[in-house]
Amino acid sequence: MLKENERTMIKWMKAYLPKNAESFAKLMKRYGINPFFMKDDKKVFSFVLSTGALAGYKKCFMEGFEKEVAPFHPPYAIPRFCILVGMKRF
């Protein structure tokens, strides 16, 4: 279904995600939240066994499994995220 209706699925799945902590802070200010801590960050994960479908299953596979599977997957994933802490006065 995804392959046959790719454009429709992309249209339905659109969500607003801020580019960084600064753009997230601007959004929060619109709703009366005063940010006092902001940070942009990222985390590097070994893709094959740390994220995705195989996460947490390392002990289930024989030794050397990661080296066998690695050529078929990207070596790592780097999720980027922002942290914002704020306060709203009522």
C-alpha atoms as a PDB file:
ATOM      1  CA  MET A   1       0.000   0.000   0.000  1.00  0.00           C
ATOM      2  CA  LEU A   2       2.797   2.428   0.854  1.00  0.00           C
ATOM      3  CA  LYS A   3       4.527   1.888  -2.478  1.00  0.00           C
ATOM      4  CA  GLU A   4       1.331   2.193  -4.539  1.00  0.00           C
ATOM      5  CA  ASN A   5       0.052   5.265  -2.658  1.00  0.00           C
ATOM      6  CA  GLU A   6       3.301   6.929  -1.654  1.00  0.00           C
ATOM      7  CA  ARG A   7       2.181  10.531  -2.294  1.00  0.00           C
ATOM      8  CA  THR A   8      -1.069  10.079  -0.393  1.00  0.00           C
ATOM      9  CA  MET A   9       0.690   8.499   2.577  1.00  0.00           C
ATOM     10  CA  ILE A  10       3.282  11.285   2.692  1.00  0.00           C
ATOM     11  CA  LYS A  11       0.498  13.885   2.598  1.00  0.00           C
ATOM     12  CA  TRP A  12      -1.325  12.215   5.515  1.00  0.00           C
ATOM     13  CA  MET A  13       1.801  11.744   7.572  1.00  0.00           C
ATOM     14  CA  LYS A  14       3.042  15.344   7.479  1.00  0.00           C
ATOM     15  CA  ALA A  15       3.709  16.688  10.927  1.00  0.00           C
ATOM     16  CA  TYR A  16       5.326  19.909  12.049  1.00  0.00           C
ATOM     17  CA  LEU A  17       8.673  19.230  13.652  1.00  0.00           C
ATOM     18  CA  PRO A  18      10.790  22.223  14.668  1.00  0.00           C
ATOM     19  CA  LYS A  19      14.185  22.511  12.943  1.00  0.00           C
ATOM     20  CA  ASN A  20      15.994  23.345  16.165  1.00  0.00           C
ATOM     21  CA  ALA A  21      15.523  24.507  19.743  1.00  0.00           C
ATOM     22  CA  GLU A  22      15.203  28.141  18.672  1.00  0.00           C
ATOM     23  CA  SER A  23      12.274  27.451  16.309  1.00  0.00           C
ATOM     24  CA  PHE A  24      10.666  25.262  19.000  1.00  0.00           C
ATOM     25  CA  ALA A  25      11.034  28.127  21.501  1.00  0.00           C
ATOM     26  CA  LYS A  26       9.251  30.524  19.110  1.00  0.00           C
ATOM     27  CA  LEU A  27       6.363  28.066  18.849  1.00  0.00           C
ATOM     28  CA  MET A  28       6.149  27.681  22.635  1.00  0.00           C
ATOM     29  CA  LYS A  29       6.168  31.470  23.144  1.00  0.00           C
ATOM     30  CA  ARG A  30       3.016  31.672  20.993  1.00  0.00           C
ATOM     31  CA  TYR A  31       1.292  29.542  23.620  1.00  0.00           C
ATOM     32  CA  GLY A  32       2.588  31.562  26.568  1.00  0.00           C
ATOM     33  CA  ILE A  33       5.445  29.268  27.551  1.00  0.00           C
ATOM     34  CA  ASN A  34       8.631  31.108  28.505  1.00  0.00           C
ATOM     35  CA  PRO A  35      11.669  28.909  27.674  1.00  0.00           C
ATOM     36  CA  PHE A  36      14.549  29.034  30.129  1.00  0.00           C
ATOM     37  CA  PHE A  37      16.667  26.133  28.809  1.00  0.00           C
ATOM     38  CA  MET A  38      17.237  25.170  25.155  1.00  0.00           C
ATOM     39  CA  LYS A  39      19.661  22.721  23.590  1.00  0.00           C
ATOM     40  CA  ASP A  40      20.177  21.116  20.171  1.00  0.00           C
ATOM     41  CA  ASP A  41      21.815  17.695  20.358  1.00  0.00           C
ATOM     42  CA  LYS A  42      22.320  14.369  18.587  1.00  0.00           C
ATOM     43  CA  LYS A  43      23.068  10.760  19.519  1.00  0.00           C
ATOM     44  CA  VAL A  44      25.037   8.253  17.419  1.00  0.00           C
ATOM     45  CA  PHE A  45      23.787   4.651  17.503  1.00  0.00           C
ATOM     46  CA  SER A  46      25.280   1.553  15.916  1.00  0.00           C
ATOM     47  CA  PHE A  47      22.354   0.931  13.591  1.00  0.00           C
ATOM     48  CA  VAL A  48      22.229  -2.836  13.242  1.00  0.00           C
ATOM     49  CA  LEU A  49      21.715  -3.859  16.866  1.00  0.00           C
ATOM     50  CA  SER A  50      21.098  -0.599  18.740  1.00  0.00           C
ATOM     51  CA  THR A  51      18.140   0.779  16.803  1.00  0.00           C
ATOM     52  CA  GLY A  52      15.469  -0.578  14.521  1.00  0.00           C
ATOM     53  CA  ALA A  53      13.979  -4.048  14.442  1.00  0.00           C
ATOM     54  CA  LEU A  54      17.002  -5.810  15.946  1.00  0.00           C
ATOM     55  CA  ALA A  55      17.436  -3.529  18.959  1.00  0.00           C
ATOM     56  CA  GLY A  56      17.864  -5.521  22.156  1.00  0.00           C
ATOM     57  CA  TYR A  57      18.411  -8.898  20.469  1.00  0.00           C
ATOM     58  CA  LYS A  58      22.215  -9.032  20.437  1.00  0.00           C
ATOM     59  CA  LYS A  59      22.343 -11.939  22.908  1.00  0.00           C
ATOM     60  CA  CYS A  60      19.970 -13.965  20.706  1.00  0.00           C
ATOM     61  CA  PHE A  61      22.401 -14.162  17.780  1.00  0.00           C
ATOM     62  CA  MET A  62      25.665 -16.037  17.428  1.00  0.00           C
ATOM     63  CA  GLU A  63      28.935 -14.173  17.817  1.00  0.00           C
ATOM     64  CA  GLY A  64      29.939 -12.286  14.671  1.00  0.00           C
ATOM     65  CA  PHE A  65      26.330 -11.748  13.532  1.00  0.00           C
ATOM     66  CA  GLU A  66      26.730  -7.970  13.377  1.00  0.00           C
ATOM     67  CA  LYS A  67      29.669  -8.265  10.955  1.00  0.00           C
ATOM     68  CA  GLU A  68      27.611 -10.538   8.680  1.00  0.00           C
ATOM     69  CA  VAL A  69      24.620  -8.174   8.590  1.00  0.00           C
ATOM     70  CA  ALA A  70      26.502  -4.842   8.558  1.00  0.00           C
ATOM     71  CA  PRO A  71      27.146  -4.731   4.759  1.00  0.00           C
ATOM     72  CA  PHE A  72      23.384  -4.681   4.180  1.00  0.00           C
ATOM     73  CA  HIS A  73      22.630  -1.781   6.554  1.00  0.00           C
ATOM     74  CA  PRO A  74      23.970   1.714   7.196  1.00  0.00           C
ATOM     75  CA  PRO A  75      26.685   1.550   9.866  1.00  0.00           C
ATOM     76  CA  TYR A  76      24.975   4.004  12.204  1.00  0.00           C
ATOM     77  CA  ALA A  77      21.994   6.285  12.730  1.00  0.00           C
ATOM     78  CA  ILE A  78      22.234   9.822  14.097  1.00  0.00           C
ATOM     79  CA  PRO A  79      18.896  11.030  15.479  1.00  0.00           C
ATOM     80  CA  ARG A  80      18.924  14.772  16.076  1.00  0.00           C
ATOM     81  CA  PHE A  81      16.723  16.333  18.722  1.00  0.00           C
ATOM     82  CA  CYS A  82      16.170  19.481  20.713  1.00  0.00           C
ATOM     83  CA  ILE A  83      15.413  19.948  24.371  1.00  0.00           C
ATOM     84  CA  LEU A  84      13.357  22.830  25.641  1.00  0.00           C
ATOM     85  CA  VAL A  85      12.286  23.499  29.209  1.00  0.00           C
ATOM     86  CA  GLY A  86       9.917  26.347  29.882  1.00  0.00           C
ATOM     87  CA  MET A  87       7.337  27.699  32.268  1.00  0.00           C
ATOM     88  CA  LYS A  88       3.824  28.966  31.772  1.00  0.00           C
ATOM     89  CA  ARG A  89       2.333  31.287  34.341  1.00  0.00           C
ATOM     90  CA  PHE A  90      -1.392  31.113  34.988  1.00  0.00           C
END
